[in-house]
């Protein structure tokens, strides 16, 4: 059987969700990238305790949606898979750039990028590849892409990086966690702050609230 895989380009649309409003009182604009199995509107629940007058939160939506648990009731989404990964990365970054433009994020008083689980790789790649000027990069319970280098982040002179993880995270065993710590320290150096909490593979709302204090 002689098969050939080909490629076309076409224009698509995709949604994203937001919490609160951007006003003259807004101090922090967050772009928060959910993990696998989420929809953006549900991921926003982890940020509802932030002061609504000072925090405007934007949650982009991963494009690849699927039914969870084979029950055909609840829908989740994934940013990337091992299939055609580089092309999919380009698609995701083009989408994020469209969100950036639509929300005029270049005018944000303080831009905080947060990735959770699978969203960590998306957040890190977006900053590195597209040179996104942010003040705080928050990496929650996920792995950093292997291709990234220290030089990719040197354009950010005032960057603060927080690496957050649960001590009982079932996806971060001792060996992998040690490797992620080394990778993060190599990439960010003194800009890195490692924060752990007692818990599993989850978002910790208490720590999220403390990040803006």
N, C-alpha and C. Protein backbone atom coordinates (compact mmCIF):
# COMPACT_ATOMS: atom_id res chain seq x y z
N UNK A 1 0.85 -1.20 0.00
CA UNK A 1 0.00 0.00 0.00
C UNK A 1 0.88 1.24 0.00
N UNK A 2 0.69 2.10 -0.97
CA UNK A 2 1.50 3.30 -1.12
C UNK A 2 0.70 4.51 -0.63
N UNK A 3 1.01 4.97 0.58
CA UNK A 3 0.29 6.12 1.16
C UNK A 3 1.22 7.31 1.27
N UNK A 4 0.66 8.49 1.13
CA UNK A 4 1.42 9.74 1.24
C UNK A 4 0.68 10.69 2.16
N UNK A 5 1.38 11.26 3.11
CA UNK A 5 0.77 12.25 4.00
C UNK A 5 1.07 13.64 3.46
N UNK A 6 0.03 14.44 3.27
CA UNK A 6 0.17 15.77 2.70
C UNK A 6 -0.29 16.83 3.72
N UNK A 7 -0.13 18.08 3.37
CA UNK A 7 -0.43 19.16 4.31
C UNK A 7 -1.12 20.30 3.58
N UNK A 8 -2.14 20.88 4.21
CA UNK A 8 -2.79 22.08 3.71
C UNK A 8 -2.84 23.11 4.83
N UNK A 9 -3.02 24.35 4.46
CA UNK A 9 -3.20 25.43 5.43
C UNK A 9 -4.58 26.03 5.25
N UNK A 10 -5.22 26.35 6.37
CA UNK A 10 -6.55 26.95 6.30
C UNK A 10 -6.77 27.76 7.57
N UNK A 11 -7.75 28.61 7.56
CA UNK A 11 -8.03 29.48 8.70
C UNK A 11 -9.13 28.87 9.56
N UNK A 12 -8.90 28.87 10.88
CA UNK A 12 -9.91 28.38 11.81
C UNK A 12 -10.13 29.43 12.90
N UNK A 13 -11.17 29.22 13.69
CA UNK A 13 -11.42 30.08 14.85
C UNK A 13 -11.44 29.21 16.10
N UNK A 14 -11.19 29.82 17.22
CA UNK A 14 -11.18 29.09 18.49
C UNK A 14 -11.56 30.06 19.60
N UNK A 15 -12.19 29.57 20.63
CA UNK A 15 -12.65 30.40 21.73
C UNK A 15 -11.57 30.57 22.79
N UNK A 16 -11.81 31.49 23.72
CA UNK A 16 -11.07 31.57 24.97
C UNK A 16 -11.99 32.20 26.00
N UNK A 17 -11.65 32.06 27.27
CA UNK A 17 -12.52 32.54 28.34
C UNK A 17 -11.80 33.59 29.18
N UNK A 18 -12.55 34.41 29.87
CA UNK A 18 -11.95 35.42 30.75
C UNK A 18 -12.75 35.55 32.03
N UNK A 19 -12.09 36.06 33.04
CA UNK A 19 -12.70 36.27 34.35
C UNK A 19 -12.43 37.69 34.79
N UNK A 20 -13.46 38.39 35.27
CA UNK A 20 -13.38 39.80 35.68
C UNK A 20 -13.27 40.69 34.44
N UNK A 21 -12.97 41.96 34.65
CA UNK A 21 -12.86 42.92 33.56
C UNK A 21 -11.57 43.70 33.66
N UNK A 22 -11.07 44.10 32.51
CA UNK A 22 -9.88 44.95 32.51
C UNK A 22 -10.32 46.41 32.65
N UNK A 23 -9.87 47.06 33.71
CA UNK A 23 -10.23 48.45 33.98
C UNK A 23 -8.98 49.23 34.38
N UNK A 24 -9.17 50.50 34.70
CA UNK A 24 -8.05 51.33 35.14
C UNK A 24 -7.50 50.87 36.49
N UNK A 25 -8.27 50.05 37.21
CA UNK A 25 -7.81 49.54 38.51
C UNK A 25 -7.04 48.21 38.39
N UNK A 26 -7.01 47.64 37.20
CA UNK A 26 -6.34 46.35 37.01
C UNK A 26 -4.84 46.49 37.20
N UNK A 27 -4.29 45.64 38.05
CA UNK A 27 -2.84 45.63 38.29
C UNK A 27 -2.16 44.43 37.63
N UNK A 28 -2.88 43.31 37.55
CA UNK A 28 -2.30 42.08 37.01
C UNK A 28 -3.20 41.51 35.93
N UNK A 29 -2.60 41.22 34.79
CA UNK A 29 -3.30 40.48 33.74
C UNK A 29 -2.66 39.10 33.66
N UNK A 30 -3.48 38.08 33.84
CA UNK A 30 -3.01 36.70 33.82
C UNK A 30 -3.42 36.04 32.50
N UNK A 31 -2.51 35.28 31.92
CA UNK A 31 -2.86 34.33 30.87
C UNK A 31 -2.58 32.95 31.44
N UNK A 32 -3.64 32.15 31.59
CA UNK A 32 -3.51 30.87 32.30
C UNK A 32 -3.82 29.73 31.34
N UNK A 33 -2.89 28.79 31.24
CA UNK A 33 -2.98 27.70 30.28
C UNK A 33 -3.28 26.40 31.00
N UNK A 34 -4.44 25.84 30.73
CA UNK A 34 -4.94 24.69 31.45
C UNK A 34 -4.18 23.41 31.12
N UNK A 35 -4.42 22.38 31.91
CA UNK A 35 -3.83 21.07 31.66
C UNK A 35 -4.72 20.21 30.79
N UNK A 36 -4.26 19.02 30.49
CA UNK A 36 -5.00 18.11 29.64
C UNK A 36 -6.33 17.71 30.30
N UNK A 37 -7.38 17.67 29.50
CA UNK A 37 -8.69 17.27 30.00
C UNK A 37 -9.57 18.42 30.46
N UNK A 38 -9.06 19.65 30.41
CA UNK A 38 -9.84 20.81 30.86
C UNK A 38 -10.52 21.52 29.69
N UNK A 39 -11.51 22.32 30.02
CA UNK A 39 -11.99 23.39 29.17
C UNK A 39 -11.66 24.69 29.87
N UNK A 40 -11.35 25.72 29.10
CA UNK A 40 -10.83 26.96 29.69
C UNK A 40 -11.80 27.58 30.69
N UNK A 41 -13.10 27.53 30.40
CA UNK A 41 -14.06 28.20 31.30
C UNK A 41 -14.10 27.54 32.67
N UNK A 42 -13.82 26.26 32.74
CA UNK A 42 -13.80 25.58 34.03
C UNK A 42 -12.47 25.78 34.76
N UNK A 43 -11.40 25.97 34.00
CA UNK A 43 -10.09 26.21 34.60
C UNK A 43 -10.08 27.54 35.36
N UNK A 44 -10.92 28.47 34.98
CA UNK A 44 -10.94 29.78 35.62
C UNK A 44 -11.36 29.73 37.09
N UNK A 45 -11.98 28.63 37.52
CA UNK A 45 -12.44 28.54 38.91
C UNK A 45 -11.29 28.65 39.91
N UNK A 46 -10.08 28.30 39.48
CA UNK A 46 -8.94 28.34 40.40
C UNK A 46 -8.46 29.77 40.66
N UNK A 47 -9.02 30.74 39.96
CA UNK A 47 -8.56 32.12 40.09
C UNK A 47 -9.66 33.05 40.61
N UNK A 48 -10.78 32.46 41.05
CA UNK A 48 -11.91 33.28 41.49
C UNK A 48 -11.66 33.99 42.81
N UNK A 49 -10.66 33.51 43.60
CA UNK A 49 -10.38 34.15 44.88
C UNK A 49 -9.46 35.36 44.76
N UNK A 50 -8.90 35.59 43.58
CA UNK A 50 -8.08 36.78 43.37
C UNK A 50 -8.96 38.03 43.37
N UNK A 51 -8.42 39.12 43.85
CA UNK A 51 -9.17 40.38 43.90
C UNK A 51 -9.66 40.72 42.49
N UNK A 52 -11.00 40.76 42.28
CA UNK A 52 -11.52 40.99 40.94
C UNK A 52 -11.24 42.38 40.39
N UNK A 53 -11.01 43.35 41.27
CA UNK A 53 -10.71 44.70 40.81
C UNK A 53 -9.29 44.83 40.28
N UNK A 54 -8.39 43.99 40.80
CA UNK A 54 -6.97 44.13 40.46
C UNK A 54 -6.46 43.05 39.52
N UNK A 55 -7.27 41.99 39.29
CA UNK A 55 -6.80 40.87 38.49
C UNK A 55 -7.78 40.53 37.37
N UNK A 56 -7.27 40.56 36.16
CA UNK A 56 -8.03 40.17 34.97
C UNK A 56 -7.39 38.89 34.44
N UNK A 57 -8.19 37.83 34.29
CA UNK A 57 -7.64 36.52 33.94
C UNK A 57 -8.17 36.07 32.59
N UNK A 58 -7.26 35.64 31.73
CA UNK A 58 -7.58 35.14 30.40
C UNK A 58 -7.16 33.68 30.32
N UNK A 59 -8.09 32.83 29.90
CA UNK A 59 -7.81 31.40 29.80
C UNK A 59 -7.98 30.94 28.35
N UNK A 60 -6.88 30.81 27.61
CA UNK A 60 -6.98 30.26 26.25
C UNK A 60 -7.48 28.81 26.28
N UNK A 61 -8.02 28.39 25.15
CA UNK A 61 -8.62 27.06 25.05
C UNK A 61 -7.81 26.18 24.09
N UNK A 62 -7.33 25.04 24.57
CA UNK A 62 -6.68 24.07 23.69
C UNK A 62 -7.66 23.65 22.60
N UNK A 63 -7.14 23.51 21.37
CA UNK A 63 -8.03 23.27 20.24
C UNK A 63 -8.54 21.84 20.13
N UNK A 64 -7.75 20.87 20.56
CA UNK A 64 -8.12 19.47 20.34
C UNK A 64 -9.04 18.98 21.44
N UNK A 65 -10.32 18.87 21.15
CA UNK A 65 -11.31 18.47 22.16
C UNK A 65 -11.72 17.01 21.98
N UNK A 66 -12.09 16.39 23.07
CA UNK A 66 -12.49 14.98 23.02
C UNK A 66 -13.39 14.67 24.21
N UNK A 67 -14.13 13.57 24.14
CA UNK A 67 -14.97 13.15 25.25
C UNK A 67 -14.12 12.44 26.31
N UNK A 68 -14.40 12.77 27.57
CA UNK A 68 -13.66 12.18 28.67
C UNK A 68 -14.27 10.85 29.11
N UNK A 69 -13.43 9.94 29.50
CA UNK A 69 -13.84 8.66 30.14
C UNK A 69 -14.74 7.79 29.26
N UNK A 70 -14.72 8.04 27.95
CA UNK A 70 -15.51 7.22 27.02
C UNK A 70 -17.00 7.19 27.34
N UNK A 71 -17.49 8.25 28.00
CA UNK A 71 -18.90 8.31 28.36
C UNK A 71 -19.70 9.26 27.46
N UNK A 72 -19.02 10.01 26.62
CA UNK A 72 -19.67 10.92 25.67
C UNK A 72 -20.57 11.94 26.37
N UNK A 73 -20.14 12.37 27.55
CA UNK A 73 -20.89 13.40 28.29
C UNK A 73 -20.03 14.64 28.50
N UNK A 74 -18.88 14.46 29.15
CA UNK A 74 -18.03 15.59 29.50
C UNK A 74 -16.88 15.72 28.49
N UNK A 75 -16.58 16.96 28.13
CA UNK A 75 -15.58 17.25 27.11
C UNK A 75 -14.32 17.84 27.75
N UNK A 76 -13.18 17.38 27.31
CA UNK A 76 -11.90 17.95 27.72
C UNK A 76 -11.11 18.32 26.49
N UNK A 77 -9.90 18.79 26.69
CA UNK A 77 -9.08 19.21 25.55
C UNK A 77 -7.61 18.98 25.83
N UNK A 78 -6.84 18.93 24.76
CA UNK A 78 -5.39 18.71 24.86
C UNK A 78 -4.68 19.71 23.96
N UNK A 79 -3.55 20.21 24.42
CA UNK A 79 -2.76 21.15 23.62
C UNK A 79 -1.96 20.44 22.54
N UNK A 80 -1.28 19.35 22.92
CA UNK A 80 -0.37 18.68 22.00
C UNK A 80 -0.39 17.17 22.25
N UNK A 81 0.03 16.42 21.25
CA UNK A 81 0.33 15.01 21.41
C UNK A 81 1.67 14.74 20.72
N UNK A 82 2.08 13.50 20.70
CA UNK A 82 3.33 13.14 20.02
C UNK A 82 3.17 13.08 18.50
N UNK A 83 1.95 13.21 18.02
CA UNK A 83 1.67 13.18 16.58
C UNK A 83 1.83 14.57 15.97
N UNK A 84 2.75 14.69 15.00
CA UNK A 84 2.93 15.95 14.26
C UNK A 84 3.13 17.13 15.20
N UNK A 85 3.98 16.93 16.20
CA UNK A 85 4.08 17.87 17.32
C UNK A 85 4.55 19.26 16.89
N UNK A 86 5.58 19.34 16.08
CA UNK A 86 6.11 20.66 15.72
C UNK A 86 5.09 21.51 14.98
N UNK A 87 4.35 20.90 14.07
CA UNK A 87 3.31 21.65 13.36
C UNK A 87 2.22 22.10 14.32
N UNK A 88 1.87 21.24 15.29
CA UNK A 88 0.85 21.60 16.26
C UNK A 88 1.33 22.72 17.19
N UNK A 89 2.61 22.72 17.53
CA UNK A 89 3.16 23.81 18.34
C UNK A 89 2.99 25.12 17.59
N UNK A 90 3.30 25.13 16.31
CA UNK A 90 3.15 26.35 15.51
C UNK A 90 1.70 26.82 15.50
N UNK A 91 0.76 25.88 15.38
CA UNK A 91 -0.66 26.25 15.39
C UNK A 91 -1.07 26.87 16.72
N UNK A 92 -0.61 26.25 17.82
CA UNK A 92 -0.95 26.76 19.15
C UNK A 92 -0.37 28.16 19.35
N UNK A 93 0.86 28.36 18.95
CA UNK A 93 1.49 29.67 19.16
C UNK A 93 0.84 30.75 18.30
N UNK A 94 0.40 30.40 17.10
CA UNK A 94 -0.33 31.37 16.29
C UNK A 94 -1.66 31.75 16.95
N UNK A 95 -2.32 30.77 17.53
CA UNK A 95 -3.57 31.04 18.26
C UNK A 95 -3.32 31.96 19.45
N UNK A 96 -2.28 31.67 20.24
CA UNK A 96 -1.98 32.51 21.40
C UNK A 96 -1.62 33.93 20.98
N UNK A 97 -0.94 34.06 19.85
CA UNK A 97 -0.63 35.40 19.36
C UNK A 97 -1.91 36.15 18.99
N UNK A 98 -2.90 35.43 18.47
CA UNK A 98 -4.18 36.07 18.15
C UNK A 98 -4.88 36.54 19.42
N UNK A 99 -4.82 35.73 20.49
CA UNK A 99 -5.38 36.14 21.78
C UNK A 99 -4.63 37.36 22.31
N UNK A 100 -3.31 37.32 22.22
CA UNK A 100 -2.46 38.43 22.67
C UNK A 100 -2.89 39.74 21.99
N UNK A 101 -3.11 39.67 20.68
CA UNK A 101 -3.50 40.86 19.92
C UNK A 101 -4.91 41.30 20.28
N UNK A 102 -5.83 40.35 20.37
CA UNK A 102 -7.23 40.69 20.67
C UNK A 102 -7.37 41.37 22.02
N UNK A 103 -6.55 40.96 22.98
CA UNK A 103 -6.62 41.51 24.33
C UNK A 103 -5.62 42.64 24.56
N UNK A 104 -4.87 43.02 23.52
CA UNK A 104 -3.88 44.09 23.61
C UNK A 104 -2.96 43.90 24.83
N UNK A 105 -2.42 42.70 24.95
CA UNK A 105 -1.63 42.37 26.14
C UNK A 105 -0.32 43.13 26.23
N UNK A 106 0.08 43.76 25.14
CA UNK A 106 1.28 44.59 25.21
C UNK A 106 1.07 45.79 26.12
N UNK A 107 -0.20 46.09 26.43
CA UNK A 107 -0.52 47.22 27.30
C UNK A 107 -0.80 46.79 28.74
N UNK A 108 -0.65 45.51 29.03
CA UNK A 108 -0.93 45.03 30.39
C UNK A 108 0.03 45.67 31.38
N UNK A 109 -0.48 46.16 32.52
CA UNK A 109 0.41 46.76 33.52
C UNK A 109 1.42 45.76 34.07
N UNK A 110 0.96 44.53 34.32
CA UNK A 110 1.84 43.43 34.75
C UNK A 110 1.26 42.15 34.18
N UNK A 111 2.05 41.48 33.35
CA UNK A 111 1.58 40.27 32.68
C UNK A 111 2.15 39.04 33.37
N UNK A 112 1.24 38.18 33.82
CA UNK A 112 1.62 36.93 34.49
C UNK A 112 1.17 35.77 33.60
N UNK A 113 2.09 34.91 33.24
CA UNK A 113 1.76 33.72 32.46
C UNK A 113 1.85 32.50 33.36
N UNK A 114 0.80 31.71 33.37
CA UNK A 114 0.76 30.51 34.21
C UNK A 114 0.39 29.31 33.35
N UNK A 115 1.16 28.24 33.51
CA UNK A 115 0.83 26.98 32.87
C UNK A 115 0.67 25.91 33.92
N UNK A 116 -0.35 25.09 33.75
CA UNK A 116 -0.58 23.96 34.66
C UNK A 116 -0.45 22.66 33.89
N UNK A 117 0.34 21.72 34.41
CA UNK A 117 0.50 20.40 33.82
C UNK A 117 0.94 20.53 32.36
N UNK A 118 0.15 20.07 31.41
CA UNK A 118 0.52 20.18 30.00
C UNK A 118 0.69 21.64 29.58
N UNK A 119 0.00 22.54 30.25
CA UNK A 119 0.11 23.95 29.93
C UNK A 119 1.46 24.56 30.23
N UNK A 120 2.28 23.89 31.06
CA UNK A 120 3.63 24.39 31.35
C UNK A 120 4.46 24.46 30.07
N UNK A 121 4.41 23.40 29.28
CA UNK A 121 5.21 23.38 28.06
C UNK A 121 4.75 24.44 27.07
N UNK A 122 3.44 24.72 27.04
CA UNK A 122 2.92 25.74 26.14
C UNK A 122 3.36 27.13 26.60
N UNK A 123 3.23 27.41 27.88
CA UNK A 123 3.62 28.71 28.42
C UNK A 123 5.11 28.99 28.18
N UNK A 124 5.94 28.00 28.47
CA UNK A 124 7.39 28.18 28.32
C UNK A 124 7.78 28.38 26.86
N UNK A 125 7.19 27.59 25.98
CA UNK A 125 7.51 27.73 24.55
C UNK A 125 7.04 29.08 24.01
N UNK A 126 5.86 29.52 24.43
CA UNK A 126 5.33 30.80 23.95
C UNK A 126 6.26 31.94 24.32
N UNK A 127 6.68 31.97 25.57
CA UNK A 127 7.60 33.02 26.01
C UNK A 127 8.90 32.95 25.22
N UNK A 128 9.46 31.75 25.12
CA UNK A 128 10.77 31.59 24.50
C UNK A 128 10.76 31.87 23.00
N UNK A 129 9.81 31.30 22.31
CA UNK A 129 9.81 31.39 20.84
C UNK A 129 9.27 32.72 20.33
N UNK A 130 8.27 33.26 21.01
CA UNK A 130 7.63 34.48 20.53
C UNK A 130 8.07 35.72 21.29
N UNK A 131 9.01 35.53 22.21
CA UNK A 131 9.59 36.64 22.97
C UNK A 131 8.49 37.47 23.64
N UNK A 132 7.67 36.80 24.43
CA UNK A 132 6.58 37.46 25.15
C UNK A 132 7.13 38.15 26.38
N UNK A 133 6.90 39.44 26.47
CA UNK A 133 7.39 40.24 27.59
C UNK A 133 6.44 40.06 28.78
N UNK A 134 6.82 39.19 29.70
CA UNK A 134 6.02 39.00 30.91
C UNK A 134 6.91 39.27 32.12
N UNK A 135 6.26 39.53 33.25
CA UNK A 135 7.02 39.80 34.47
C UNK A 135 7.12 38.58 35.37
N UNK A 136 6.18 37.63 35.21
CA UNK A 136 6.16 36.46 36.08
C UNK A 136 5.70 35.25 35.27
N UNK A 137 6.49 34.20 35.31
CA UNK A 137 6.16 32.94 34.65
C UNK A 137 5.96 31.90 35.74
N UNK A 138 4.75 31.35 35.80
CA UNK A 138 4.38 30.40 36.86
C UNK A 138 4.21 29.02 36.23
N UNK A 139 4.99 28.05 36.70
CA UNK A 139 5.01 26.70 36.14
C UNK A 139 4.48 25.74 37.19
N UNK A 140 3.25 25.24 36.99
CA UNK A 140 2.59 24.41 37.99
C UNK A 140 2.51 22.95 37.55
N UNK A 141 3.22 22.09 38.24
CA UNK A 141 3.05 20.64 38.11
C UNK A 141 3.22 20.13 36.68
N UNK A 142 4.22 20.64 35.98
CA UNK A 142 4.43 20.20 34.61
C UNK A 142 5.90 20.15 34.27
N UNK A 143 6.20 19.67 33.06
CA UNK A 143 7.57 19.53 32.61
C UNK A 143 7.95 20.58 31.59
N UNK A 144 9.22 21.00 31.63
CA UNK A 144 9.73 21.98 30.69
C UNK A 144 10.19 21.29 29.41
N UNK A 145 9.95 21.89 28.26
CA UNK A 145 10.38 21.29 26.99
C UNK A 145 11.90 21.12 26.93
N UNK A 146 12.34 20.01 26.38
CA UNK A 146 13.77 19.70 26.38
C UNK A 146 14.55 20.60 25.44
N UNK A 147 13.89 21.18 24.43
CA UNK A 147 14.64 21.95 23.43
C UNK A 147 14.97 23.37 23.88
N UNK A 148 14.37 23.84 24.98
CA UNK A 148 14.59 25.21 25.41
C UNK A 148 15.98 25.39 26.01
N UNK A 149 16.55 26.58 25.78
CA UNK A 149 17.89 26.91 26.28
C UNK A 149 17.83 28.20 27.11
N UNK A 150 18.83 28.38 27.95
CA UNK A 150 18.92 29.57 28.80
C UNK A 150 18.83 30.84 27.96
N UNK A 151 19.44 30.82 26.79
CA UNK A 151 19.48 32.00 25.93
C UNK A 151 18.08 32.41 25.47
N UNK A 152 17.15 31.46 25.46
CA UNK A 152 15.79 31.77 25.00
C UNK A 152 15.07 32.76 25.90
N UNK A 153 15.54 32.89 27.15
CA UNK A 153 14.85 33.74 28.12
C UNK A 153 15.68 34.96 28.54
N UNK A 154 16.84 35.13 27.95
CA UNK A 154 17.73 36.22 28.39
C UNK A 154 17.19 37.59 28.02
N UNK A 155 16.25 37.68 27.09
CA UNK A 155 15.67 38.97 26.73
C UNK A 155 14.80 39.53 27.85
N UNK A 156 14.42 38.69 28.82
CA UNK A 156 13.57 39.12 29.94
C UNK A 156 14.46 39.46 31.13
N UNK A 157 14.79 40.71 31.30
CA UNK A 157 15.72 41.10 32.35
C UNK A 157 15.09 41.11 33.73
N UNK A 158 13.78 41.34 33.80
CA UNK A 158 13.11 41.43 35.10
C UNK A 158 12.15 40.26 35.34
N UNK A 159 12.39 39.15 34.69
CA UNK A 159 11.51 38.00 34.81
C UNK A 159 11.63 37.34 36.18
N UNK A 160 10.47 36.98 36.72
CA UNK A 160 10.39 36.17 37.94
C UNK A 160 9.75 34.84 37.56
N UNK A 161 10.32 33.73 38.02
CA UNK A 161 9.81 32.41 37.68
C UNK A 161 9.48 31.65 38.96
N UNK A 162 8.27 31.12 39.03
CA UNK A 162 7.86 30.29 40.16
C UNK A 162 7.55 28.89 39.65
N UNK A 163 8.21 27.90 40.22
CA UNK A 163 7.95 26.50 39.90
C UNK A 163 7.19 25.90 41.07
N UNK A 164 5.94 25.48 40.84
CA UNK A 164 5.05 25.04 41.90
C UNK A 164 4.71 23.56 41.68
N UNK A 165 4.81 22.76 42.73
CA UNK A 165 4.46 21.34 42.59
C UNK A 165 4.02 20.76 43.92
N UNK A 166 3.23 19.70 43.85
CA UNK A 166 2.79 18.98 45.04
C UNK A 166 3.77 17.88 45.38
N UNK A 167 4.06 17.69 46.66
CA UNK A 167 5.03 16.69 47.08
C UNK A 167 4.53 15.26 46.86
N UNK A 168 3.23 15.11 46.60
CA UNK A 168 2.67 13.79 46.36
C UNK A 168 2.12 13.66 44.94
N UNK A 169 2.68 14.44 44.04
CA UNK A 169 2.24 14.42 42.64
C UNK A 169 2.58 13.07 42.02
N UNK A 170 1.56 12.36 41.55
CA UNK A 170 1.77 11.02 41.02
C UNK A 170 2.51 11.01 39.69
N UNK A 171 2.59 12.19 39.03
CA UNK A 171 3.30 12.27 37.75
C UNK A 171 4.73 12.78 37.90
N UNK A 172 5.09 13.21 39.09
CA UNK A 172 6.43 13.74 39.34
C UNK A 172 7.10 12.90 40.42
N UNK A 173 7.66 11.76 40.01
CA UNK A 173 8.39 10.95 40.99
C UNK A 173 9.71 11.62 41.33
N UNK A 174 10.42 11.06 42.27
CA UNK A 174 11.64 11.70 42.78
C UNK A 174 12.66 11.95 41.68
N UNK A 175 12.82 10.97 40.80
CA UNK A 175 13.81 11.11 39.73
C UNK A 175 13.43 12.20 38.74
N UNK A 176 12.17 12.19 38.30
CA UNK A 176 11.75 13.20 37.34
C UNK A 176 11.77 14.59 37.95
N UNK A 177 11.38 14.69 39.21
CA UNK A 177 11.36 15.98 39.88
C UNK A 177 12.78 16.56 39.97
N UNK A 178 13.74 15.70 40.29
CA UNK A 178 15.14 16.16 40.36
C UNK A 178 15.60 16.68 39.01
N UNK A 179 15.22 15.98 37.94
CA UNK A 179 15.60 16.41 36.60
C UNK A 179 14.94 17.73 36.22
N UNK A 180 13.68 17.90 36.61
CA UNK A 180 12.98 19.15 36.31
C UNK A 180 13.58 20.32 37.08
N UNK A 181 14.02 20.08 38.31
CA UNK A 181 14.67 21.13 39.08
C UNK A 181 15.97 21.57 38.41
N UNK A 182 16.76 20.61 37.97
CA UNK A 182 18.02 20.93 37.30
C UNK A 182 17.75 21.71 36.01
N UNK A 183 16.77 21.24 35.24
CA UNK A 183 16.43 21.90 33.98
C UNK A 183 15.99 23.35 34.23
N UNK A 184 15.13 23.54 35.23
CA UNK A 184 14.63 24.88 35.53
C UNK A 184 15.75 25.80 36.01
N UNK A 185 16.64 25.29 36.85
CA UNK A 185 17.75 26.11 37.35
C UNK A 185 18.70 26.48 36.21
N UNK A 186 18.90 25.56 35.27
CA UNK A 186 19.75 25.86 34.12
C UNK A 186 19.14 26.93 33.23
N UNK A 187 17.81 26.91 33.11
CA UNK A 187 17.14 27.87 32.25
C UNK A 187 17.02 29.25 32.88
N UNK A 188 16.71 29.29 34.18
CA UNK A 188 16.31 30.55 34.80
C UNK A 188 17.27 31.06 35.87
N UNK A 189 18.15 30.21 36.38
CA UNK A 189 19.15 30.66 37.35
C UNK A 189 18.53 31.28 38.59
N UNK A 190 19.00 32.46 38.95
CA UNK A 190 18.56 33.13 40.17
C UNK A 190 17.15 33.68 40.07
N UNK A 191 16.57 33.67 38.88
CA UNK A 191 15.20 34.15 38.70
C UNK A 191 14.18 33.14 39.21
N UNK A 192 14.63 31.91 39.48
CA UNK A 192 13.74 30.81 39.82
C UNK A 192 13.45 30.72 41.31
N UNK A 193 12.18 30.55 41.64
CA UNK A 193 11.74 30.29 43.01
C UNK A 193 10.93 29.00 43.00
N UNK A 194 11.38 27.98 43.73
CA UNK A 194 10.70 26.69 43.77
C UNK A 194 9.78 26.63 44.99
N UNK A 195 8.50 26.34 44.74
CA UNK A 195 7.49 26.32 45.80
C UNK A 195 6.82 24.95 45.80
N UNK A 196 6.86 24.27 46.93
CA UNK A 196 6.19 22.97 47.04
C UNK A 196 5.04 23.07 48.04
N UNK A 197 4.09 22.17 47.89
CA UNK A 197 2.97 22.09 48.83
C UNK A 197 2.63 20.62 49.04
N UNK A 198 1.98 20.33 50.14
CA UNK A 198 1.58 18.97 50.42
C UNK A 198 0.30 18.65 49.64
N UNK A 199 0.44 17.85 48.60
CA UNK A 199 -0.70 17.54 47.76
C UNK A 199 -0.25 16.83 46.51
N UNK A 200 -1.20 16.52 45.64
CA UNK A 200 -0.92 15.77 44.44
C UNK A 200 -0.84 16.64 43.21
N UNK A 201 -1.28 16.07 42.09
CA UNK A 201 -1.24 16.76 40.80
C UNK A 201 -2.47 17.66 40.72
N UNK A 202 -2.34 18.86 41.24
CA UNK A 202 -3.50 19.73 41.40
C UNK A 202 -3.08 21.19 41.43
N UNK A 203 -4.04 22.06 41.19
CA UNK A 203 -3.83 23.49 41.34
C UNK A 203 -4.02 23.85 42.80
N UNK A 204 -3.11 24.65 43.34
CA UNK A 204 -3.19 25.07 44.73
C UNK A 204 -3.58 26.55 44.77
N UNK A 205 -4.85 26.82 45.09
CA UNK A 205 -5.36 28.19 45.03
C UNK A 205 -4.72 29.10 46.07
N UNK A 206 -4.31 28.55 47.20
CA UNK A 206 -3.65 29.36 48.23
C UNK A 206 -2.34 29.93 47.71
N UNK A 207 -1.56 29.09 47.05
CA UNK A 207 -0.30 29.55 46.50
C UNK A 207 -0.53 30.56 45.38
N UNK A 208 -1.54 30.32 44.55
CA UNK A 208 -1.85 31.26 43.48
C UNK A 208 -2.14 32.65 44.05
N UNK A 209 -2.92 32.69 45.13
CA UNK A 209 -3.24 33.99 45.74
C UNK A 209 -2.00 34.66 46.32
N UNK A 210 -1.08 33.87 46.84
CA UNK A 210 0.14 34.42 47.43
C UNK A 210 1.10 34.97 46.39
N UNK A 211 0.98 34.54 45.17
CA UNK A 211 1.90 34.99 44.13
C UNK A 211 1.76 36.47 43.81
N UNK A 212 0.61 37.05 44.11
CA UNK A 212 0.39 38.47 43.78
C UNK A 212 0.54 39.35 45.01
N UNK A 213 0.94 38.81 46.13
CA UNK A 213 1.13 39.61 47.34
C UNK A 213 2.48 40.34 47.26
